[in-house]
């Protein structure tokens, strides 16, 4: 009787081992197919790219931004736009001044800010970089937490425009 039980247990172990091997083989093949699918997708569908957008200080550097200024004193700065998309990018910059009532949102731009100037429309080809001429802004009254805002607007082929991105500097103005 013991030998029958032992053979039965041995048989059950062999069956379980066979089932485990099948499950393991199925899992490995499935994993290989899934990973291969991701690799093929990544190769066939390249990344969309991006638009680089930045503010540079008066020395054309991305450092030591002004945090204070005198009332009606011009603050000089530059703006850069880099096209890392796979198609042309046509845009215009809008320069605005805001205060504590100004709302800044990454999806819609600024609310309750005053437009001071705009740049001409520019078109960048893929991998082309652009830097503005020196731009200036000044604040007309004493206040803390005033905001220098730069909005990037894309222009489409039909000349319609859509908000793309926003950058800002917070500045305290004093007499």
Protein backbone atom coordinates (compact mmCIF):
# COMPACT_ATOMS: atom_id res chain seq x y z
CA UNK A 1 0.00 0.00 0.00
CA UNK A 2 2.84 2.33 0.81
CA UNK A 3 4.37 1.81 -2.60
CA UNK A 4 1.02 2.67 -4.28
CA UNK A 5 0.80 5.89 -2.26
CA UNK A 6 4.42 6.68 -3.04
CA UNK A 7 3.85 6.06 -6.77
CA UNK A 8 0.67 8.18 -6.65
CA UNK A 9 2.57 11.01 -4.90
CA UNK A 10 5.43 10.68 -7.39
CA UNK A 11 2.92 10.80 -10.25
CA UNK A 12 1.21 13.88 -8.74
CA UNK A 13 4.59 15.58 -8.36
CA UNK A 14 5.47 14.84 -12.00
CA UNK A 15 2.07 16.19 -13.15
CA UNK A 16 2.49 19.33 -11.02
CA UNK A 17 6.03 19.78 -12.33
CA UNK A 18 4.79 19.41 -15.91
CA UNK A 19 1.99 21.93 -15.28
CA UNK A 20 4.46 24.34 -13.69
CA UNK A 21 6.81 24.00 -16.68
CA UNK A 22 3.92 24.73 -19.08
CA UNK A 23 2.86 27.73 -17.00
CA UNK A 24 6.44 29.00 -16.85
CA UNK A 25 6.91 28.54 -20.62
CA UNK A 26 3.60 30.32 -21.31
CA UNK A 27 4.59 33.20 -18.97
CA UNK A 28 8.01 33.62 -20.57
CA UNK A 29 6.63 33.57 -24.11
CA UNK A 30 3.89 36.05 -23.14
CA UNK A 31 6.46 38.34 -21.50
CA UNK A 32 8.69 38.21 -24.55
CA UNK A 33 5.76 39.05 -26.84
CA UNK A 34 4.63 41.94 -24.65
CA UNK A 35 8.12 43.44 -24.37
CA UNK A 36 8.64 42.96 -28.12
CA UNK A 37 5.36 44.80 -28.73
CA UNK A 38 6.54 47.76 -26.64
CA UNK A 39 9.86 47.84 -28.49
CA UNK A 40 8.16 47.77 -31.89
CA UNK A 41 5.72 50.52 -30.78
CA UNK A 42 8.59 52.68 -29.52
CA UNK A 43 10.47 52.27 -32.81
CA UNK A 44 7.44 52.90 -35.05
CA UNK A 45 5.93 55.77 -33.04
CA UNK A 46 8.73 58.22 -32.20
CA UNK A 47 8.34 60.77 -29.43
CA UNK A 48 6.40 63.86 -30.44
CA UNK A 49 9.13 66.29 -29.42
CA UNK A 50 8.78 69.54 -27.52
CA UNK A 51 9.15 73.29 -27.59
CA UNK A 52 11.85 74.72 -25.34
CA UNK A 53 10.84 78.08 -23.85
CA UNK A 54 12.94 80.17 -21.47
CA UNK A 55 13.72 83.57 -20.03
CA UNK A 56 17.31 84.83 -19.87
CA UNK A 57 18.53 87.73 -17.76
CA UNK A 58 19.98 90.97 -19.18
CA UNK A 59 23.33 89.16 -19.70
CA UNK A 60 21.69 86.40 -21.80
CA UNK A 61 22.12 83.88 -18.97
CA UNK A 62 19.61 81.67 -17.18
CA UNK A 63 20.65 82.89 -13.72
CA UNK A 64 20.50 85.87 -11.35
CA UNK A 65 17.06 87.01 -12.41
CA UNK A 66 15.96 90.35 -10.98
CA UNK A 67 13.67 90.13 -7.96
CA UNK A 68 13.47 93.86 -7.26
CA UNK A 69 13.35 96.97 -9.39
CA UNK A 70 12.61 100.65 -9.16
CA UNK A 71 9.28 102.09 -10.24
CA UNK A 72 9.36 102.97 -13.95
CA UNK A 73 12.89 101.55 -14.31
CA UNK A 74 13.25 99.22 -17.29
CA UNK A 75 14.13 95.61 -16.62
CA UNK A 76 15.89 93.99 -19.58
CA UNK A 77 15.54 90.32 -20.48
CA UNK A 78 15.58 87.89 -23.40
CA UNK A 79 13.28 85.03 -24.35
CA UNK A 80 14.36 81.84 -26.12
CA UNK A 81 12.26 79.36 -28.09
CA UNK A 82 13.64 76.02 -29.32
CA UNK A 83 11.72 73.87 -31.81
CA UNK A 84 12.36 70.20 -31.07
CA UNK A 85 9.21 69.09 -32.92
CA UNK A 86 9.31 67.30 -36.27
CA UNK A 87 7.50 70.18 -38.04
CA UNK A 88 7.62 73.97 -38.31
CA UNK A 89 6.42 76.00 -35.31
CA UNK A 90 4.99 79.50 -35.81
CA UNK A 91 4.58 81.62 -32.70
CA UNK A 92 4.26 85.03 -31.15
CA UNK A 93 5.19 86.21 -27.64
CA UNK A 94 2.95 88.40 -25.51
CA UNK A 95 4.57 90.35 -22.66
CA UNK A 96 2.29 91.23 -19.76
CA UNK A 97 2.50 92.78 -16.30
CA UNK A 98 0.50 91.40 -13.40
CA UNK A 99 0.03 91.81 -9.67
CA UNK A 100 -1.44 89.89 -6.73
CA UNK A 101 -4.81 89.67 -8.55
CA UNK A 102 -3.26 87.99 -11.61
CA UNK A 103 -4.03 84.30 -12.08
CA UNK A 104 -1.38 82.20 -13.82
CA UNK A 105 -2.43 78.86 -15.28
CA UNK A 106 -0.35 76.51 -17.44
CA UNK A 107 -3.37 75.67 -19.61
CA UNK A 108 -4.81 79.11 -20.33
CA UNK A 109 -2.12 81.68 -19.62
CA UNK A 110 -2.69 84.70 -17.42
CA UNK A 111 -5.91 86.33 -16.26
CA UNK A 112 -6.13 89.94 -15.02
CA UNK A 113 -2.75 91.01 -16.45
CA UNK A 114 -1.98 94.01 -18.66
CA UNK A 115 -0.41 93.45 -22.08
CA UNK A 116 2.61 95.67 -22.64
CA UNK A 117 3.98 94.38 -25.94
CA UNK A 118 4.11 91.52 -28.42
CA UNK A 119 6.77 90.20 -30.75
CA UNK A 120 6.39 89.68 -34.46
CA UNK A 121 5.34 86.23 -35.65
CA UNK A 122 8.31 83.89 -36.04
CA UNK A 123 8.52 80.48 -37.70
CA UNK A 124 11.09 77.95 -36.55
CA UNK A 125 12.00 74.87 -38.55
CA UNK A 126 12.65 71.60 -36.67
CA UNK A 127 15.72 71.82 -34.42
CA UNK A 128 15.95 75.58 -34.96
CA UNK A 129 16.57 77.93 -32.01
CA UNK A 130 15.45 81.55 -31.60
CA UNK A 131 16.32 84.30 -29.15
CA UNK A 132 14.50 87.61 -28.95
CA UNK A 133 16.11 90.98 -29.15
CA UNK A 134 16.46 92.50 -25.69
CA UNK A 135 12.98 93.09 -24.28
CA UNK A 136 12.11 95.60 -21.57
CA UNK A 137 9.39 95.94 -18.97
CA UNK A 138 8.83 98.39 -16.12
CA UNK A 139 6.36 98.59 -13.28
CA UNK A 140 4.43 101.86 -12.85
CA UNK A 141 3.85 101.79 -9.07
CA UNK A 142 5.23 100.55 -5.74
CA UNK A 143 4.12 97.04 -4.90
CA UNK A 144 5.43 93.70 -3.85
CA UNK A 145 4.73 90.54 -5.81
CA UNK A 146 4.36 92.13 -9.22
CA UNK A 147 4.72 89.73 -12.12
CA UNK A 148 6.53 89.97 -15.44
CA UNK A 149 4.72 87.45 -17.68
CA UNK A 150 5.71 86.00 -21.06
CA UNK A 151 3.10 83.96 -22.94
CA UNK A 152 3.92 81.79 -25.96
CA UNK A 153 1.12 81.52 -28.55
CA UNK A 154 1.23 79.13 -31.50
CA UNK A 155 -0.17 80.24 -34.86
CA UNK A 156 -1.70 77.57 -37.08
CA UNK A 157 -1.78 77.48 -40.90
CA UNK A 158 -5.22 79.15 -40.92
CA UNK A 159 -3.78 81.99 -38.75
CA UNK A 160 -5.79 80.89 -35.71
CA UNK A 161 -3.81 80.91 -32.51
CA UNK A 162 -3.70 78.77 -29.42
CA UNK A 163 -2.03 79.22 -26.06
CA UNK A 164 1.15 77.14 -25.75
CA UNK A 165 3.04 78.03 -22.54
CA UNK A 166 3.70 80.69 -19.90
CA UNK A 167 6.76 81.90 -17.95
CA UNK A 168 6.96 84.57 -15.28
CA UNK A 169 9.22 86.44 -12.87
CA UNK A 170 7.97 87.86 -9.58
CA UNK A 171 9.40 91.31 -8.88
CA UNK A 172 9.04 93.80 -6.03
CA UNK A 173 9.00 97.41 -7.30
CA UNK A 174 9.89 100.32 -5.07
CA UNK A 175 10.59 104.06 -5.46
